[in-house]
Protein backbone atom coordinates (compact mmCIF):
# COMPACT_ATOMS: atom_id res chain seq x y z
CA MET A 1 4.95 50.61 134.43
CA MET A 2 7.37 51.87 137.03
CA ASN A 3 10.22 49.32 138.25
CA VAL A 4 10.84 48.29 141.67
CA SER A 5 14.43 49.36 140.76
CA SER A 6 13.73 52.86 140.10
CA ILE A 7 12.98 52.77 143.44
CA LYS A 8 15.58 51.69 145.00
CA THR A 9 17.93 54.16 143.03
CA HIS A 10 15.13 56.86 144.46
CA MET A 11 16.04 56.12 147.90
CA TYR A 12 19.64 55.95 147.32
CA CYS A 13 19.80 59.72 145.51
CA PRO A 14 16.41 61.17 143.59
CA MET A 15 19.10 62.46 141.54
CA LYS A 16 20.56 59.82 140.31
CA LEU A 17 17.24 58.58 139.29
CA TYR A 18 16.13 61.82 137.71
CA ILE A 19 19.69 61.56 135.36
CA GLN A 20 19.27 58.03 134.64
CA THR A 21 15.29 58.93 133.00
CA HIS A 22 15.66 62.19 132.08
CA VAL A 23 19.78 63.01 130.98
CA ASP A 24 21.73 59.61 130.48
CA THR A 25 19.52 57.69 128.32
CA LYS A 26 22.23 54.95 126.83
CA GLU A 27 21.83 50.95 127.65
CA ASN A 28 22.94 51.37 131.52
CA LYS A 29 25.40 48.41 131.35
CA ASP A 30 26.46 49.01 135.47
CA TYR A 31 23.24 47.66 136.01
CA GLN A 32 23.37 44.72 133.42
CA LEU A 33 26.46 43.72 135.21
CA ALA A 34 25.00 43.94 138.80
CA ILE A 35 22.04 41.72 137.45
CA GLU A 36 24.23 39.05 136.15
CA ILE A 37 26.68 38.89 139.64
CA LYS A 38 23.11 37.80 140.96
CA LYS A 39 21.87 35.29 138.65
CA LEU A 40 25.87 33.94 139.69
CA LYS A 41 25.44 34.05 143.11
CA ILE A 42 22.13 32.51 142.60
CA ASP A 43 23.64 29.72 141.07
CA ILE A 44 26.36 29.07 143.73
CA GLN A 45 23.95 28.22 146.17
CA ASP A 46 22.09 25.71 143.89
CA LEU A 47 25.75 24.25 143.65
CA ILE A 48 25.65 24.28 147.32
CA GLN A 49 22.65 22.50 147.59
CA LYS A 50 23.21 19.89 145.06
CA ASN A 51 26.71 19.24 146.73
CA MET A 52 24.68 19.06 150.43
CA ARG A 53 22.94 15.60 149.07
CA LYS A 54 26.31 13.88 149.08
CA ILE A 55 26.99 14.71 152.46
CA LYS A 56 27.12 11.62 155.08
CA LYS A 57 26.68 12.14 159.25
CA ASP A 58 29.89 10.65 159.96
CA MET A 59 31.73 12.91 157.79
CA ASP A 60 34.18 15.47 159.29
CA LEU A 61 34.04 19.26 158.80
CA ASN A 62 36.46 19.26 156.57
CA GLN A 63 34.75 16.67 154.83
CA ILE A 64 31.85 18.77 154.21
CA GLU A 65 33.26 21.66 153.49
CA GLN A 66 35.46 19.68 150.46
CA ILE A 67 32.01 18.27 149.72
CA LEU A 68 29.90 21.95 149.47
CA SER A 69 32.90 23.49 147.71
CA GLN A 70 32.26 20.92 144.65
CA THR A 71 32.55 22.90 141.09
CA ILE A 72 32.30 26.03 142.53
CA ASN A 73 35.92 27.49 141.29
CA PRO A 74 34.97 25.92 137.67
CA TYR A 75 31.81 27.25 137.70
CA ILE A 76 32.78 30.89 138.89
CA LYS A 77 35.78 30.72 136.65
CA ASN A 78 33.60 29.95 133.41
CA THR A 79 30.65 32.51 134.01
CA SER A 80 32.90 35.10 134.90
CA ASP A 81 35.10 34.82 131.63
CA ALA A 82 31.20 34.59 129.68
CA ILE A 83 30.17 37.79 132.01
CA ARG A 84 33.23 39.76 130.29
CA SER A 85 32.57 38.31 126.55
CA MET A 86 29.09 40.67 127.14
CA ASP A 87 31.72 43.71 127.18
CA LEU A 88 30.51 44.44 130.69
CA ASN A 89 33.62 45.45 132.91
CA LEU A 90 33.57 42.66 135.64
CA GLU A 91 36.71 43.58 137.29
CA LEU A 92 39.32 41.03 139.41
CA SER A 93 38.69 42.27 142.38
CA GLN A 94 34.75 41.95 142.02
CA ILE A 95 35.66 38.11 140.77
CA ASN A 96 37.74 37.47 144.14
CA GLN A 97 35.36 39.18 146.71
CA ILE A 98 32.58 36.59 145.27
CA ILE A 99 35.43 33.80 146.14
CA ASP A 100 35.82 35.50 149.13
CA ASP A 101 32.24 35.54 149.72
CA THR A 102 31.25 32.05 148.75
CA TYR A 103 33.69 29.96 150.97
CA PHE A 104 32.97 32.44 153.54
CA ASN A 105 29.55 31.13 153.40
CA ILE A 106 30.35 27.26 152.84
CA LYS A 107 31.68 27.73 156.14
CA ILE A 108 29.37 28.84 158.11
CA LYS A 109 26.57 26.52 156.44
CA ALA A 110 29.10 23.77 157.24
CA LEU A 111 29.12 24.08 160.80
CA LYS A 112 25.27 24.46 161.02
CA ILE A 113 24.84 21.30 158.60
CA LYS A 114 27.38 19.61 160.52
CA GLN A 115 25.84 20.51 163.90
CA ALA A 116 21.90 19.24 162.44
CA MET A 117 23.36 15.95 161.68
CA THR A 118 24.66 15.32 164.68
CA ILE A 119 21.50 16.93 166.80
CA LEU A 120 19.01 14.86 164.20
CA ASP A 121 20.98 12.05 163.50
CA LYS A 122 20.50 12.21 159.69
CA ASN A 123 22.54 12.61 156.51
CA ALA A 124 22.55 16.29 154.92
CA PHE A 125 19.72 14.99 152.31
CA GLU A 126 17.27 14.11 154.75
CA ILE A 127 17.54 17.48 156.13
CA ILE A 128 17.94 19.86 153.13
CA ASP A 129 14.64 21.53 153.48
CA MET A 130 15.88 22.94 156.61
CA PHE A 131 18.58 25.08 154.39
CA PHE A 132 17.10 25.24 150.94
CA PRO A 133 13.58 25.42 151.18
CA ASN A 134 10.98 25.57 148.04
CA THR A 135 12.71 28.47 146.93
CA MET A 136 11.44 30.05 143.25
CA TYR A 137 14.90 31.97 141.64
CA SER A 138 14.36 35.87 140.15
CA TYR A 139 10.83 35.81 139.68
CA LEU A 140 9.00 38.49 137.98
CA LEU A 141 6.29 40.01 139.84
CA LYS A 142 3.53 42.89 138.59
CA ASP A 143 0.74 44.84 139.51
CA THR A 144 -1.29 46.17 136.55
CA GLN A 145 -3.62 48.34 138.95
CA LEU A 146 -0.28 49.73 140.58
CA GLU A 147 1.93 49.54 137.85
CA LEU A 148 4.66 48.44 139.19
CA ILE A 149 6.96 45.46 137.89
CA GLY A 150 9.87 44.12 139.80
CA MET A 151 12.43 40.92 140.01
CA CYS A 152 12.33 39.50 143.35
CA ASP A 153 16.50 37.70 143.48
CA LYS A 154 14.01 34.55 145.38
CA ILE A 155 10.76 33.57 146.77
CA GLU A 156 10.97 30.84 149.45
CA ILE A 157 7.60 28.59 150.30
CA ILE A 158 7.16 27.50 153.03
CA ASP A 159 4.03 25.65 155.14
CA GLY A 160 2.00 27.35 151.83
CA LYS A 161 3.22 30.65 153.24
CA TYR A 162 5.96 33.36 150.82
CA TYR A 163 8.47 34.38 151.83
CA PRO A 164 10.24 37.34 149.52
CA VAL A 165 14.01 37.07 149.55
CA SER A 166 16.52 39.88 148.90
CA ILE A 167 20.50 38.96 148.59
CA LYS A 168 22.58 42.47 149.95
CA SER A 169 25.96 41.98 148.71
CA SER A 170 26.51 45.39 150.84
CA ASN A 171 27.80 45.90 154.39
CA PRO A 172 24.80 45.73 156.80
CA PRO A 173 24.15 48.56 159.60
CA ILE A 174 24.94 46.96 163.46
CA LYS A 175 20.76 46.88 163.37
CA GLY A 176 18.36 45.23 161.62
CA VAL A 177 18.62 46.55 157.90
CA TRP A 178 18.76 49.69 155.56
CA ASP A 179 15.87 51.83 154.72
CA GLN A 180 16.48 51.21 150.96
CA ASP A 181 16.36 47.21 151.56
CA ALA A 182 13.67 47.22 153.21
CA ILE A 183 11.35 49.78 150.92
CA GLU A 184 12.84 47.20 147.81
CA LEU A 185 11.35 44.15 149.97
CA VAL A 186 8.18 45.46 150.66
CA ALA A 187 7.41 46.62 147.15
CA HIS A 188 8.28 42.68 146.53
CA ALA A 189 5.90 41.48 148.99
CA ILE A 190 2.91 43.55 148.03
CA LEU A 191 3.71 42.31 144.70
CA LEU A 192 3.40 39.15 145.56
CA GLU A 193 0.53 39.59 147.48
CA GLU A 194 -1.39 40.46 144.14
CA GLU A 195 0.45 37.44 142.26
CA PHE A 196 -0.49 34.66 144.24
CA GLU A 197 -3.17 36.03 145.88
CA THR A 198 -2.03 35.65 149.37
CA GLU A 199 -0.57 37.93 152.39
CA VAL A 200 2.88 38.68 153.20
CA PHE A 201 3.75 39.04 156.49
CA VAL A 202 7.58 38.90 156.96
CA GLY A 203 10.33 38.60 154.03
CA PHE A 204 14.41 38.74 154.47
CA ILE A 205 17.18 40.22 153.49
CA ASP A 206 20.25 37.82 153.30
CA TYR A 207 23.04 40.41 153.85
CA GLU A 208 25.62 37.84 152.08
CA LYS A 209 29.31 39.41 153.00
CA ILE A 210 28.26 38.33 156.78
CA GLY A 211 26.18 35.25 155.71
CA ASP A 212 23.74 36.77 157.88
CA ARG A 213 19.80 36.43 157.31
CA ARG A 214 17.61 39.64 159.17
CA PRO A 215 13.81 39.48 158.84
CA VAL A 216 11.96 42.74 158.13
CA VAL A 217 7.84 42.71 159.04
CA MET A 218 5.30 43.71 156.14
CA ASP A 219 3.99 46.17 158.44
CA VAL A 220 1.40 49.33 157.78
CA ASN A 221 4.20 51.60 158.64
CA LEU A 222 6.62 50.53 155.55
CA ARG A 223 4.11 49.94 153.50
CA LYS A 224 2.90 53.36 153.42
CA GLY A 225 6.49 54.63 153.04
CA LEU A 226 6.73 52.82 149.75
CA PHE A 227 3.98 54.51 148.16
CA ASP A 228 5.01 58.02 149.54
CA ILE A 229 8.19 56.93 147.75
CA MET A 230 6.35 55.88 144.40
CA ARG A 231 4.88 58.96 144.14
CA GLU A 232 7.71 61.20 144.63
CA VAL A 233 9.21 58.54 141.86
CA LYS A 234 6.69 59.27 139.57
CA GLU A 235 7.02 62.97 139.74
CA ILE A 236 10.63 62.77 138.49
CA THR A 237 10.48 60.43 135.91
CA GLU A 238 6.79 61.01 134.51
CA ASN A 239 6.06 65.01 135.36
CA LYS A 240 10.56 65.54 134.77
CA LYS A 241 10.50 67.24 138.54
CA LEU A 242 14.19 68.34 139.22
CA PRO A 243 14.66 66.50 142.69
CA ASN A 244 16.24 69.00 145.79
CA VAL A 245 19.10 67.00 147.23
CA LYS A 246 21.40 67.64 149.61
CA LYS A 247 24.81 66.50 148.88
CA ASN A 248 26.70 63.69 150.62
CA ILE A 249 30.47 63.62 149.30
CA LYS A 250 31.13 60.20 150.72
CA LYS A 251 28.09 58.75 148.13
CA CYS A 252 29.08 61.16 145.65
CA GLU A 253 32.41 59.77 144.77
CA LEU A 254 31.56 56.61 144.31
CA CYS A 255 28.45 57.80 141.44
CA GLU A 256 29.26 57.46 138.40
CA TYR A 257 27.54 60.75 137.68
CA LYS A 258 28.99 62.91 140.28
CA ASP A 259 30.69 64.47 136.79
CA ILE A 260 27.18 65.74 135.76
CA CYS A 261 25.68 66.37 139.01
CA LEU A 262 28.34 67.98 141.25
CA ASN A 263 29.06 70.22 138.09
CA GLU A 264 25.46 71.70 138.44
């Protein structure tokens, strides 16, 4: 069964997928680390949601930020220590980036909460669904007919409709979303449609660094693009087809397989 993560890797670089599948057969700790970091970020959002319930409409902006920030630092420290104990190479710079991104998002959320409470004349617990809709996190989806499986970061349910959400820590493009992010999201949308017997017309990419949510319309062209990529992935993973890749030095220098690939 094909994993959506393989599609994502192919979109980044088909040669990387080939090496991961047929050359580097050891456990990929980088992938496990990425999963643990994503879990940490989801847990942080849960803490912020719980803290929001304590906010009153007569509080000023500083008080709102302080309440939203409660228990965040100790949780990040304890969870980071636990990740390191798993023999995963979580660097101090990554921890600091998580902290910086978290408090940047808290500032943005505090402004939005204050504005909403003022306009609606309500306390935060009365409007929490505006900021945190009914959500399922890290939901495993699979379709046996498509032979596709993937873990969706978030599924938001609003008025009976399902919306897949991908959480990204990478820098976003000036407009829209990256192609690989859109393809990953439409894969989750198709799996979600099968799982819940529904239709998905739009999903979202949350670019955490700038606290921005960007919509992706699940149109016919995007769906066709996914199936084209799936055929290419199958050629690499099942038929061991060696991809012809135009090297991108900037991208290659960041790849863990550069010593293998660039020497070929």
